[in-house]
Amino acid sequence: QVQVVESGGGSVQPGGSQRISCFASGNTNSINVIAWYRQPPGKQRELVASINNEDMTHYADPMKGRVTISRDYSNNTVYLEMNDLKPDDTAVYSCMALFNNYSDRSWGRGTQVTVSS
């Protein structure tokens, strides 16, 4: 089994930056893709970015150009660096691990990022 745990959320002022982390434990060799999603208050969850085990990245429209996803294999952690944050970026950011069978997945509980002055 694989577990993913997010950390690093908090409050940030508009225009600021925040880095959040997703730590994977367990049978991490079974992970193919790690993705970050977010769910703003009262809205549906949406994809932010993903990275696969060949370090190919994908960025979705909500934050494209303002985020960078990276993977540190030495500590089984995927980072999401977010820049030029806006109040509309306020959301619960969750990490999802997609396994090599492209079917099973594991979700973290999420970390709150609040952008406010």
PDB file of N, CA and C in Angstrom:
ATOM      1  N   GLN A   1       0.828  -1.192   0.000  1.00  0.00           N
ATOM      2  CA  GLN A   1       0.000   0.000   0.000  1.00  0.00           C
ATOM      3  C   GLN A   1       0.864   1.245   0.000  1.00  0.00           C
ATOM      4  N   VAL A   2       0.267   2.309  -0.471  1.00  0.00           N
ATOM      5  CA  VAL A   2       0.969   3.591  -0.529  1.00  0.00           C
ATOM      6  C   VAL A   2       0.127   4.620   0.216  1.00  0.00           C
ATOM      7  N   GLN A   3       0.788   5.424   1.002  1.00  0.00           N
ATOM      8  CA  GLN A   3       0.135   6.563   1.637  1.00  0.00           C
ATOM      9  C   GLN A   3       0.834   7.839   1.207  1.00  0.00           C
ATOM     10  N   VAL A   4       0.043   8.886   1.008  1.00  0.00           N
ATOM     11  CA  VAL A   4       0.599  10.188   0.686  1.00  0.00           C
ATOM     12  C   VAL A   4       0.103  11.193   1.719  1.00  0.00           C
ATOM     13  N   VAL A   5       1.006  12.041   2.149  1.00  0.00           N
ATOM     14  CA  VAL A   5       0.690  13.026   3.175  1.00  0.00           C
ATOM     15  C   VAL A   5       1.205  14.385   2.721  1.00  0.00           C
ATOM     16  N   GLU A   6       0.300  15.375   2.753  1.00  0.00           N
ATOM     17  CA  GLU A   6       0.671  16.724   2.343  1.00  0.00           C
ATOM     18  C   GLU A   6       1.128  17.542   3.551  1.00  0.00           C
ATOM     19  N   SER A   7       1.956  18.522   3.265  1.00  0.00           N
ATOM     20  CA  SER A   7       2.379  19.465   4.296  1.00  0.00           C
ATOM     21  C   SER A   7       2.782  20.776   3.637  1.00  0.00           C
ATOM     22  N   GLY A   8       2.904  21.803   4.466  1.00  0.00           N
ATOM     23  CA  GLY A   8       3.426  23.073   3.971  1.00  0.00           C
ATOM     24  C   GLY A   8       2.394  24.133   3.680  1.00  0.00           C
ATOM     25  N   GLY A   9       1.130  23.844   3.884  1.00  0.00           N
ATOM     26  CA  GLY A   9       0.110  24.859   3.640  1.00  0.00           C
ATOM     27  C   GLY A   9       0.148  25.944   4.694  1.00  0.00           C
ATOM     28  N   GLY A  10      -0.654  26.977   4.476  1.00  0.00           N
ATOM     29  CA  GLY A  10      -0.712  28.079   5.427  1.00  0.00           C
ATOM     30  C   GLY A  10      -1.283  29.310   4.773  1.00  0.00           C
ATOM     31  N   SER A  11      -1.049  30.435   5.413  1.00  0.00           N
ATOM     32  CA  SER A  11      -1.549  31.710   4.902  1.00  0.00           C
ATOM     33  C   SER A  11      -0.429  32.470   4.211  1.00  0.00           C
ATOM     34  N   VAL A  12      -0.769  33.109   3.115  1.00  0.00           N
ATOM     35  CA  VAL A  12       0.208  33.879   2.347  1.00  0.00           C
ATOM     36  C   VAL A  12      -0.488  35.101   1.780  1.00  0.00           C
ATOM     37  N   GLN A  13       0.248  36.170   1.620  1.00  0.00           N
ATOM     38  CA  GLN A  13      -0.320  37.388   1.054  1.00  0.00           C
ATOM     39  C   GLN A  13      -0.374  37.304  -0.463  1.00  0.00           C
ATOM     40  N   PRO A  14      -1.302  38.029  -1.067  1.00  0.00           N
ATOM     41  CA  PRO A  14      -1.351  38.062  -2.536  1.00  0.00           C
ATOM     42  C   PRO A  14      -0.007  38.471  -3.121  1.00  0.00           C
ATOM     43  N   GLY A  15       0.368  37.760  -4.187  1.00  0.00           N
ATOM     44  CA  GLY A  15       1.671  38.008  -4.809  1.00  0.00           C
ATOM     45  C   GLY A  15       2.794  37.193  -4.215  1.00  0.00           C
ATOM     46  N   GLY A  16       2.508  36.519  -3.126  1.00  0.00           N
ATOM     47  CA  GLY A  16       3.528  35.733  -2.448  1.00  0.00           C
ATOM     48  C   GLY A  16       3.701  34.342  -3.033  1.00  0.00           C
ATOM     49  N   SER A  17       4.589  33.591  -2.407  1.00  0.00           N
ATOM     50  CA  SER A  17       4.901  32.235  -2.857  1.00  0.00           C
ATOM     51  C   SER A  17       4.716  31.246  -1.716  1.00  0.00           C
ATOM     52  N   GLN A  18       4.478  30.017  -2.088  1.00  0.00           N
ATOM     53  CA  GLN A  18       4.310  28.949  -1.101  1.00  0.00           C
ATOM     54  C   GLN A  18       4.761  27.650  -1.742  1.00  0.00           C
ATOM     55  N   ARG A  19       5.439  26.823  -0.965  1.00  0.00           N
ATOM     56  CA  ARG A  19       5.803  25.491  -1.436  1.00  0.00           C
ATOM     57  C   ARG A  19       5.137  24.464  -0.546  1.00  0.00           C
ATOM     58  N   ILE A  20       4.425  23.562  -1.175  1.00  0.00           N
ATOM     59  CA  ILE A  20       3.791  22.478  -0.434  1.00  0.00           C
ATOM     60  C   ILE A  20       4.414  21.153  -0.867  1.00  0.00           C
ATOM     61  N   SER A  21       4.332  20.194   0.039  1.00  0.00           N
ATOM     62  CA  SER A  21       5.017  18.917  -0.171  1.00  0.00           C
ATOM     63  C   SER A  21       4.052  17.751  -0.072  1.00  0.00           C
ATOM     64  N   CYS A  22       4.387  16.695  -0.799  1.00  0.00           N
ATOM     65  CA  CYS A  22       3.629  15.452  -0.752  1.00  0.00           C
ATOM     66  C   CYS A  22       4.615  14.324  -0.521  1.00  0.00           C
ATOM     67  N   PHE A  23       4.538  13.725   0.645  1.00  0.00           N
ATOM     68  CA  PHE A  23       5.446  12.638   1.007  1.00  0.00           C
ATOM     69  C   PHE A  23       4.735  11.307   0.806  1.00  0.00           C
ATOM     70  N   ALA A  24       5.381  10.404   0.073  1.00  0.00           N
ATOM     71  CA  ALA A  24       4.818   9.077  -0.189  1.00  0.00           C
ATOM     72  C   ALA A  24       5.547   8.021   0.613  1.00  0.00           C
ATOM     73  N   SER A  25       4.796   7.106   1.188  1.00  0.00           N
ATOM     74  CA  SER A  25       5.393   6.011   1.936  1.00  0.00           C
ATOM     75  C   SER A  25       4.740   4.702   1.511  1.00  0.00           C
ATOM     76  N   GLY A  26       5.409   3.614   1.827  1.00  0.00           N
ATOM     77  CA  GLY A  26       4.904   2.307   1.438  1.00  0.00           C
ATOM     78  C   GLY A  26       5.590   1.823   0.176  1.00  0.00           C
ATOM     79  N   ASN A  27       4.848   1.123  -0.651  1.00  0.00           N
ATOM     80  CA  ASN A  27       5.393   0.567  -1.890  1.00  0.00           C
ATOM     81  C   ASN A  27       5.446   1.647  -2.968  1.00  0.00           C
ATOM     82  N   THR A  28       6.377   2.568  -2.813  1.00  0.00           N
ATOM     83  CA  THR A  28       6.447   3.719  -3.720  1.00  0.00           C
ATOM     84  C   THR A  28       6.849   3.327  -5.135  1.00  0.00           C
ATOM     85  N   ASN A  29       7.425   2.145  -5.303  1.00  0.00           N
ATOM     86  CA  ASN A  29       7.763   1.682  -6.655  1.00  0.00           C
ATOM     87  C   ASN A  29       6.531   1.430  -7.502  1.00  0.00           C
ATOM     88  N   SER A  30       5.366   1.321  -6.850  1.00  0.00           N
ATOM     89  CA  SER A  30       4.128   1.076  -7.583  1.00  0.00           C
ATOM     90  C   SER A  30       3.478   2.359  -8.091  1.00  0.00           C
ATOM     91  N   ILE A  31       4.076   3.494  -7.748  1.00  0.00           N
ATOM     92  CA  ILE A  31       3.512   4.788  -8.164  1.00  0.00           C
ATOM     93  C   ILE A  31       3.995   5.146  -9.556  1.00  0.00           C
ATOM     94  N   ASN A  32       3.067   5.549 -10.389  1.00  0.00           N
ATOM     95  CA  ASN A  32       3.425   6.005 -11.735  1.00  0.00           C
ATOM     96  C   ASN A  32       3.369   7.519 -11.845  1.00  0.00           C
ATOM     97  N   VAL A  33       2.322   8.102 -11.267  1.00  0.00           N
ATOM     98  CA  VAL A  33       2.104   9.545 -11.355  1.00  0.00           C
ATOM     99  C   VAL A  33       1.748  10.087  -9.973  1.00  0.00           C
ATOM    100  N   ILE A  34       2.300  11.238  -9.669  1.00  0.00           N
ATOM    101  CA  ILE A  34       1.857  12.012  -8.508  1.00  0.00           C
ATOM    102  C   ILE A  34       1.243  13.301  -9.045  1.00  0.00           C
ATOM    103  N   ALA A  35       0.048  13.599  -8.584  1.00  0.00           N
ATOM    104  CA  ALA A  35      -0.645  14.795  -9.059  1.00  0.00           C
ATOM    105  C   ALA A  35      -1.104  15.647  -7.883  1.00  0.00           C
ATOM    106  N   TRP A  36      -1.114  16.933  -8.127  1.00  0.00           N
ATOM    107  CA  TRP A  36      -1.683  17.883  -7.170  1.00  0.00           C
ATOM    108  C   TRP A  36      -3.031  18.356  -7.701  1.00  0.00           C
ATOM    109  N   TYR A  37      -4.020  18.315  -6.836  1.00  0.00           N
ATOM    110  CA  TYR A  37      -5.340  18.859  -7.116  1.00  0.00           C
ATOM    111  C   TYR A  37      -5.634  19.945  -6.085  1.00  0.00           C
ATOM    112  N   ARG A  38      -6.629  20.753  -6.392  1.00  0.00           N
ATOM    113  CA  ARG A  38      -7.075  21.729  -5.406  1.00  0.00           C
ATOM    114  C   ARG A  38      -8.591  21.833  -5.451  1.00  0.00           C
ATOM    115  N   GLN A  39      -9.161  22.197  -4.314  1.00  0.00           N
ATOM    116  CA  GLN A  39     -10.604  22.413  -4.239  1.00  0.00           C
ATOM    117  C   GLN A  39     -10.862  23.736  -3.535  1.00  0.00           C
ATOM    118  N   PRO A  40     -11.186  24.765  -4.305  1.00  0.00           N
ATOM    119  CA  PRO A  40     -11.530  26.056  -3.692  1.00  0.00           C
ATOM    120  C   PRO A  40     -12.857  25.952  -2.946  1.00  0.00           C
ATOM    121  N   PRO A  41     -13.120  26.844  -2.033  1.00  0.00           N
ATOM    122  CA  PRO A  41     -14.376  26.790  -1.273  1.00  0.00           C
ATOM    123  C   PRO A  41     -15.590  26.844  -2.195  1.00  0.00           C
ATOM    124  N   GLY A  42     -16.491  25.894  -2.040  1.00  0.00           N
ATOM    125  CA  GLY A  42     -17.722  25.867  -2.818  1.00  0.00           C
ATOM    126  C   GLY A  42     -17.562  25.445  -4.262  1.00  0.00           C
ATOM    127  N   LYS A  43     -16.379  24.983  -4.643  1.00  0.00           N
ATOM    128  CA  LYS A  43     -16.145  24.592  -6.029  1.00  0.00           C
ATOM    129  C   LYS A  43     -15.686  23.142  -6.109  1.00  0.00           C
ATOM    130  N   GLN A  44     -15.649  22.634  -7.331  1.00  0.00           N
ATOM    131  CA  GLN A  44     -15.207  21.259  -7.533  1.00  0.00           C
ATOM    132  C   GLN A  44     -13.682  21.168  -7.505  1.00  0.00           C
ATOM    133  N   ARG A  45     -13.220  19.980  -7.232  1.00  0.00           N
ATOM    134  CA  ARG A  45     -11.791  19.733  -7.240  1.00  0.00           C
ATOM    135  C   ARG A  45     -11.269  19.800  -8.672  1.00  0.00           C
ATOM    136  N   GLU A  46     -10.080  20.375  -8.828  1.00  0.00           N
ATOM    137  CA  GLU A  46      -9.496  20.514 -10.153  1.00  0.00           C
ATOM    138  C   GLU A  46      -8.005  20.194 -10.119  1.00  0.00           C
ATOM    139  N   LEU A  47      -7.517  19.699 -11.234  1.00  0.00           N
ATOM    140  CA  LEU A  47      -6.114  19.349 -11.367  1.00  0.00           C
ATOM    141  C   LEU A  47      -5.270  20.612 -11.443  1.00  0.00           C
ATOM    142  N   VAL A  48      -4.137  20.589 -10.755  1.00  0.00           N
ATOM    143  CA  VAL A  48      -3.181  21.691 -10.819  1.00  0.00           C
ATOM    144  C   VAL A  48      -1.962  21.279 -11.637  1.00  0.00           C
ATOM    145  N   ALA A  49      -1.355  20.147 -11.290  1.00  0.00           N
ATOM    146  CA  ALA A  49      -0.136  19.708 -11.978  1.00  0.00           C
ATOM    147  C   ALA A  49       0.111  18.248 -11.657  1.00  0.00           C
ATOM    148  N   SER A  50       0.918  17.604 -12.509  1.00  0.00           N
ATOM    149  CA  SER A  50       1.274  16.208 -12.262  1.00  0.00           C
ATOM    150  C   SER A  50       2.679  15.945 -12.767  1.00  0.00           C
ATOM    151  N   ILE A  51       3.257  14.879 -12.227  1.00  0.00           N
ATOM    152  CA  ILE A  51       4.591  14.449 -12.658  1.00  0.00           C
ATOM    153  C   ILE A  51       4.615  12.931 -12.643  1.00  0.00           C
ATOM    154  N   ASN A  52       5.200  12.322 -13.684  1.00  0.00           N
ATOM    155  CA  ASN A  52       5.233  10.871 -13.719  1.00  0.00           C
ATOM    156  C   ASN A  52       6.625  10.356 -13.366  1.00  0.00           C
ATOM    157  N   ASN A  53       6.789   9.048 -13.418  1.00  0.00           N
ATOM    158  CA  ASN A  53       8.052   8.464 -12.968  1.00  0.00           C
ATOM    159  C   ASN A  53       9.154   8.583 -13.997  1.00  0.00           C
ATOM    160  N   GLU A  54       8.867   9.293 -15.102  1.00  0.00           N
ATOM    161  CA  GLU A  54       9.913   9.676 -16.047  1.00  0.00           C
ATOM    162  C   GLU A  54      10.158  11.184 -15.979  1.00  0.00           C
ATOM    163  N   ASP A  55       9.609  11.784 -14.926  1.00  0.00           N
ATOM    164  CA  ASP A  55       9.744  13.221 -14.684  1.00  0.00           C
ATOM    165  C   ASP A  55       9.099  14.081 -15.760  1.00  0.00           C
ATOM    166  N   MET A  56       8.143  13.516 -16.466  1.00  0.00           N
ATOM    167  CA  MET A  56       7.355  14.329 -17.393  1.00  0.00           C
ATOM    168  C   MET A  56       6.285  15.060 -16.593  1.00  0.00           C
ATOM    169  N   THR A  57       6.158  16.341 -16.854  1.00  0.00           N
ATOM    170  CA  THR A  57       5.234  17.155 -16.074  1.00  0.00           C
ATOM    171  C   THR A  57       4.074  17.647 -16.930  1.00  0.00           C
ATOM    172  N   HIS A  58       2.994  17.923 -16.266  1.00  0.00           N
ATOM    173  CA  HIS A  58       1.816  18.493 -16.923  1.00  0.00           C
ATOM    174  C   HIS A  58       1.245  19.556 -16.006  1.00  0.00           C
ATOM    175  N   TYR A  59       0.891  20.680 -16.597  1.00  0.00           N
ATOM    176  CA  TYR A  59       0.314  21.775 -15.822  1.00  0.00           C
ATOM    177  C   TYR A  59      -1.062  22.102 -16.391  1.00  0.00           C
ATOM    178  N   ALA A  60      -2.013  22.218 -15.493  1.00  0.00           N
ATOM    179  CA  ALA A  60      -3.375  22.547 -15.906  1.00  0.00           C
ATOM    180  C   ALA A  60      -3.571  24.063 -15.872  1.00  0.00           C
ATOM    181  N   ASP A  61      -4.645  24.491 -16.535  1.00  0.00           N
ATOM    182  CA  ASP A  61      -4.858  25.918 -16.731  1.00  0.00           C
ATOM    183  C   ASP A  61      -4.954  26.788 -15.481  1.00  0.00           C
ATOM    184  N   PRO A  62      -5.573  26.309 -14.412  1.00  0.00           N
ATOM    185  CA  PRO A  62      -5.786  27.242 -13.296  1.00  0.00           C
ATOM    186  C   PRO A  62      -4.532  27.970 -12.815  1.00  0.00           C
ATOM    187  N   MET A  63      -3.391  27.261 -12.851  1.00  0.00           N
ATOM    188  CA  MET A  63      -2.191  27.881 -12.288  1.00  0.00           C
ATOM    189  C   MET A  63      -0.987  27.787 -13.219  1.00  0.00           C
ATOM    190  N   LYS A  64      -1.229  27.435 -14.471  1.00  0.00           N
ATOM    191  CA  LYS A  64      -0.124  27.267 -15.421  1.00  0.00           C
ATOM    192  C   LYS A  64       0.704  28.552 -15.504  1.00  0.00           C
ATOM    193  N   GLY A  65       2.007  28.384 -15.454  1.00  0.00           N
ATOM    194  CA  GLY A  65       2.900  29.535 -15.501  1.00  0.00           C
ATOM    195  C   GLY A  65       3.253  30.095 -14.137  1.00  0.00           C
ATOM    196  N   ARG A  66       2.524  29.651 -13.126  1.00  0.00           N
ATOM    197  CA  ARG A  66       2.773  30.150 -11.782  1.00  0.00           C
ATOM    198  C   ARG A  66       3.175  29.036 -10.817  1.00  0.00           C
ATOM    199  N   VAL A  67       3.196  27.804 -11.296  1.00  0.00           N
ATOM    200  CA  VAL A  67       3.561  26.686 -10.437  1.00  0.00           C
ATOM    201  C   VAL A  67       4.626  25.825 -11.092  1.00  0.00           C
ATOM    202  N   THR A  68       5.400  25.167 -10.248  1.00  0.00           N
ATOM    203  CA  THR A  68       6.395  24.204 -10.701  1.00  0.00           C
ATOM    204  C   THR A  68       6.276  22.970  -9.830  1.00  0.00           C
ATOM    205  N   ILE A  69       6.148  21.817 -10.480  1.00  0.00           N
ATOM    206  CA  ILE A  69       6.101  20.552  -9.755  1.00  0.00           C
ATOM    207  C   ILE A  69       7.438  19.857  -9.925  1.00  0.00           C
ATOM    208  N   SER A  70       7.934  19.282  -8.849  1.00  0.00           N
ATOM    209  CA  SER A  70       9.219  18.592  -8.910  1.00  0.00           C
ATOM    210  C   SER A  70       9.186  17.386  -7.986  1.00  0.00           C
ATOM    211  N   ARG A  71      10.118  16.478  -8.224  1.00  0.00           N
ATOM    212  CA  ARG A  71      10.107  15.212  -7.495  1.00  0.00           C
ATOM    213  C   ARG A  71      11.499  14.931  -6.969  1.00  0.00           C
ATOM    214  N   ASP A  72      11.595  14.634  -5.684  1.00  0.00           N
ATOM    215  CA  ASP A  72      12.849  14.247  -5.046  1.00  0.00           C
ATOM    216  C   ASP A  72      12.754  12.776  -4.700  1.00  0.00           C
ATOM    217  N   TYR A  73      13.429  11.948  -5.506  1.00  0.00           N
ATOM    218  CA  TYR A  73      13.334  10.509  -5.295  1.00  0.00           C
ATOM    219  C   TYR A  73      14.036  10.075  -4.006  1.00  0.00           C
ATOM    220  N   SER A  74      15.015  10.843  -3.566  1.00  0.00           N
ATOM    221  CA  SER A  74      15.783  10.425  -2.390  1.00  0.00           C
ATOM    222  C   SER A  74      14.945  10.439  -1.120  1.00  0.00           C
ATOM    223  N   ASN A  75      13.904  11.288  -1.085  1.00  0.00           N
ATOM    224  CA  ASN A  75      13.049  11.304   0.097  1.00  0.00           C
ATOM    225  C   ASN A  75      11.577  11.105  -0.243  1.00  0.00           C
ATOM    226  N   ASN A  76      11.314  10.560  -1.421  1.00  0.00           N
ATOM    227  CA  ASN A  76       9.944  10.187  -1.820  1.00  0.00           C
ATOM    228  C   ASN A  76       8.966  11.353  -1.683  1.00  0.00           C
ATOM    229  N   THR A  77       9.404  12.508  -2.093  1.00  0.00           N
ATOM    230  CA  THR A  77       8.585  13.705  -1.938  1.00  0.00           C
ATOM    231  C   THR A  77       8.408  14.429  -3.263  1.00  0.00           C
ATOM    232  N   VAL A  78       7.194  14.894  -3.488  1.00  0.00           N
ATOM    233  CA  VAL A  78       6.879  15.742  -4.640  1.00  0.00           C
ATOM    234  C   VAL A  78       6.513  17.116  -4.102  1.00  0.00           C
ATOM    235  N   TYR A  79       7.096  18.118  -4.717  1.00  0.00           N
ATOM    236  CA  TYR A  79       6.870  19.495  -4.285  1.00  0.00           C
ATOM    237  C   TYR A  79       6.032  20.249  -5.311  1.00  0.00           C
ATOM    238  N   LEU A  80       5.263  21.203  -4.810  1.00  0.00           N
ATOM    239  CA  LEU A  80       4.552  22.129  -5.686  1.00  0.00           C
ATOM    240  C   LEU A  80       4.934  23.541  -5.237  1.00  0.00           C
ATOM    241  N   GLU A  81       5.694  24.204  -6.066  1.00  0.00           N
ATOM    242  CA  GLU A  81       6.103  25.578  -5.800  1.00  0.00           C
ATOM    243  C   GLU A  81       5.100  26.493  -6.485  1.00  0.00           C
ATOM    244  N   MET A  82       4.477  27.367  -5.709  1.00  0.00           N
ATOM    245  CA  MET A  82       3.441  28.249  -6.239  1.00  0.00           C
ATOM    246  C   MET A  82       3.889  29.696  -6.085  1.00  0.00           C
ATOM    247  N   ASN A  83       3.787  30.459  -7.155  1.00  0.00           N
ATOM    248  CA  ASN A  83       4.232  31.848  -7.153  1.00  0.00           C
ATOM    249  C   ASN A  83       3.105  32.783  -7.566  1.00  0.00           C
ATOM    250  N   ASP A  84       3.284  34.045  -7.245  1.00  0.00           N
ATOM    251  CA  ASP A  84       2.310  35.075  -7.611  1.00  0.00           C
ATOM    252  C   ASP A  84       0.891  34.638  -7.218  1.00  0.00           C
ATOM    253  N   LEU A  85       0.758  34.223  -6.000  1.00  0.00           N
ATOM    254  CA  LEU A  85      -0.521  33.694  -5.541  1.00  0.00           C
ATOM    255  C   LEU A  85      -1.589  34.765  -5.467  1.00  0.00           C
ATOM    256  N   LYS A  86      -2.811  34.357  -5.767  1.00  0.00           N
ATOM    257  CA  LYS A  86      -3.948  35.253  -5.791  1.00  0.00           C
ATOM    258  C   LYS A  86      -5.003  34.737  -4.821  1.00  0.00           C
ATOM    259  N   PRO A  87      -5.902  35.610  -4.373  1.00  0.00           N
ATOM    260  CA  PRO A  87      -6.962  35.146  -3.462  1.00  0.00           C
ATOM    261  C   PRO A  87      -7.755  33.966  -4.029  1.00  0.00           C
ATOM    262  N   ASP A  88      -7.937  33.928  -5.350  1.00  0.00           N
ATOM    263  CA  ASP A  88      -8.670  32.816  -5.967  1.00  0.00           C
ATOM    264  C   ASP A  88      -7.919  31.486  -5.873  1.00  0.00           C
ATOM    265  N   ASP A  89      -6.661  31.532  -5.497  1.00  0.00           N
ATOM    266  CA  ASP A  89      -5.895  30.297  -5.310  1.00  0.00           C
ATOM    267  C   ASP A  89      -6.157  29.660  -3.943  1.00  0.00           C
ATOM    268  N   THR A  90      -6.915  30.341  -3.115  1.00  0.00           N
ATOM    269  CA  THR A  90      -7.277  29.777  -1.815  1.00  0.00           C
ATOM    270  C   THR A  90      -8.033  28.474  -2.017  1.00  0.00           C
ATOM    271  N   ALA A  91      -7.522  27.409  -1.418  1.00  0.00           N
ATOM    272  CA  ALA A  91      -8.105  26.085  -1.647  1.00  0.00           C
ATOM    273  C   ALA A  91      -7.446  25.061  -0.721  1.00  0.00           C
ATOM    274  N   VAL A  92      -8.061  23.907  -0.670  1.00  0.00           N
ATOM    275  CA  VAL A  92      -7.396  22.744  -0.078  1.00  0.00           C
ATOM    276  C   VAL A  92      -6.655  22.048  -1.208  1.00  0.00           C
ATOM    277  N   TYR A  93      -5.363  21.900  -1.033  1.00  0.00           N
ATOM    278  CA  TYR A  93      -4.518  21.269  -2.047  1.00  0.00           C
ATOM    279  C   TYR A  93      -4.246  19.835  -1.619  1.00  0.00           C
ATOM    280  N   SER A  94      -4.583  18.910  -2.516  1.00  0.00           N
ATOM    281  CA  SER A  94      -4.456  17.484  -2.196  1.00  0.00           C
ATOM    282  C   SER A  94      -3.527  16.792  -3.184  1.00  0.00           C
ATOM    283  N   CYS A  95      -2.855  15.802  -2.666  1.00  0.00           N
ATOM    284  CA  CYS A  95      -1.922  15.008  -3.441  1.00  0.00           C
ATOM    285  C   CYS A  95      -2.559  13.659  -3.768  1.00  0.00           C
ATOM    286  N   MET A  96      -2.343  13.193  -4.977  1.00  0.00           N
ATOM    287  CA  MET A  96      -2.893  11.903  -5.402  1.00  0.00           C
ATOM    288  C   MET A  96      -1.802  11.088  -6.082  1.00  0.00           C
ATOM    289  N   ALA A  97      -1.680   9.844  -5.671  1.00  0.00           N
ATOM    290  CA  ALA A  97      -0.737   8.920  -6.298  1.00  0.00           C
ATOM    291  C   ALA A  97      -1.502   7.951  -7.172  1.00  0.00           C
ATOM    292  N   LEU A  98      -1.151   7.906  -8.450  1.00  0.00           N
ATOM    293  CA  LEU A  98      -1.754   6.964  -9.392  1.00  0.00           C
ATOM    294  C   LEU A  98      -0.777   5.816  -9.586  1.00  0.00           C
ATOM    295  N   PHE A  99      -1.286   4.597  -9.407  1.00  0.00           N
ATOM    296  CA  PHE A  99      -0.401   3.447  -9.449  1.00  0.00           C
ATOM    297  C   PHE A  99      -0.122   3.000 -10.881  1.00  0.00           C
ATOM    298  N   ASN A 100       0.807   2.073 -11.017  1.00  0.00           N
ATOM    299  CA  ASN A 100       1.234   1.627 -12.336  1.00  0.00           C
ATOM    300  C   ASN A 100       0.122   0.965 -13.150  1.00  0.00           C
ATOM    301  N   ASN A 101      -0.943   0.507 -12.489  1.00  0.00           N
ATOM    302  CA  ASN A 101      -2.049  -0.090 -13.242  1.00  0.00           C
ATOM    303  C   ASN A 101      -2.995   0.973 -13.805  1.00  0.00           C
ATOM    304  N   TYR A 102      -2.691   2.234 -13.560  1.00  0.00           N
ATOM    305  CA  TYR A 102      -3.476   3.376 -14.051  1.00  0.00           C
ATOM    306  C   TYR A 102      -4.926   3.324 -13.586  1.00  0.00           C
ATOM    307  N   SER A 103      -5.172   2.582 -12.525  1.00  0.00           N
ATOM    308  CA  SER A 103      -6.534   2.480 -11.999  1.00  0.00           C
ATOM    309  C   SER A 103      -6.588   2.828 -10.520  1.00  0.00           C
ATOM    310  N   ASP A 104      -5.783   2.153  -9.747  1.00  0.00           N
ATOM    311  CA  ASP A 104      -5.791   2.400  -8.312  1.00  0.00           C
ATOM    312  C   ASP A 104      -5.065   3.707  -8.004  1.00  0.00           C
ATOM    313  N   ARG A 105      -5.564   4.355  -6.976  1.00  0.00           N
ATOM    314  CA  ARG A 105      -4.946   5.611  -6.566  1.00  0.00           C
ATOM    315  C   ARG A 105      -5.086   5.809  -5.067  1.00  0.00           C
ATOM    316  N   SER A 106      -4.221   6.651  -4.538  1.00  0.00           N
ATOM    317  CA  SER A 106      -4.251   6.960  -3.116  1.00  0.00           C
ATOM    318  C   SER A 106      -4.258   8.474  -2.962  1.00  0.00           C
ATOM    319  N   TRP A 107      -5.155   8.951  -2.106  1.00  0.00           N
ATOM    320  CA  TRP A 107      -5.298  10.383  -1.880  1.00  0.00           C
ATOM    321  C   TRP A 107      -4.812  10.758  -0.483  1.00  0.00           C
ATOM    322  N   GLY A 108      -4.228  11.944  -0.400  1.00  0.00           N
ATOM    323  CA  GLY A 108      -3.926  12.507   0.901  1.00  0.00           C
ATOM    324  C   GLY A 108      -5.120  13.284   1.416  1.00  0.00           C
ATOM    325  N   ARG A 109      -5.004  13.776   2.633  1.00  0.00           N
ATOM    326  CA  ARG A 109      -6.115  14.516   3.249  1.00  0.00           C
ATOM    327  C   ARG A 109      -6.138  15.982   2.844  1.00  0.00           C
ATOM    328  N   GLY A 110      -5.050  16.458   2.298  1.00  0.00           N
ATOM    329  CA  GLY A 110      -5.022  17.835   1.838  1.00  0.00           C
ATOM    330  C   GLY A 110      -4.372  18.795   2.819  1.00  0.00           C
ATOM    331  N   THR A 111      -3.945  19.916   2.278  1.00  0.00           N
ATOM    332  CA  THR A 111      -3.386  20.982   3.083  1.00  0.00           C
ATOM    333  C   THR A 111      -3.996  22.308   2.627  1.00  0.00           C
ATOM    334  N   GLN A 112      -4.397  23.130   3.586  1.00  0.00           N
ATOM    335  CA  GLN A 112      -5.085  24.373   3.268  1.00  0.00           C
ATOM    336  C   GLN A 112      -4.070  25.463   2.912  1.00  0.00           C
ATOM    337  N   VAL A 113      -4.315  26.123   1.791  1.00  0.00           N
ATOM    338  CA  VAL A 113      -3.545  27.309   1.413  1.00  0.00           C
ATOM    339  C   VAL A 113      -4.527  28.469   1.321  1.00  0.00           C
ATOM    340  N   THR A 114      -4.264  29.502   2.083  1.00  0.00           N
ATOM    341  CA  THR A 114      -5.140  30.674   2.104  1.00  0.00           C
ATOM    342  C   THR A 114      -4.346  31.895   1.655  1.00  0.00           C
ATOM    343  N   VAL A 115      -4.858  32.537   0.621  1.00  0.00           N
ATOM    344  CA  VAL A 115      -4.203  33.736   0.088  1.00  0.00           C
ATOM    345  C   VAL A 115      -5.061  34.939   0.452  1.00  0.00           C
ATOM    346  N   SER A 116      -4.540  35.764   1.331  1.00  0.00           N
ATOM    347  CA  SER A 116      -5.328  36.888   1.832  1.00  0.00           C
ATOM    348  C   SER A 116      -4.403  37.957   2.373  1.00  0.00           C
ATOM    349  N   SER A 117      -4.848  39.201   2.232  1.00  0.00           N
ATOM    350  CA  SER A 117      -4.087  40.304   2.799  1.00  0.00           C
ATOM    351  C   SER A 117      -4.592  40.632   4.202  1.00  0.00           C
TER     352      SER A 117
END
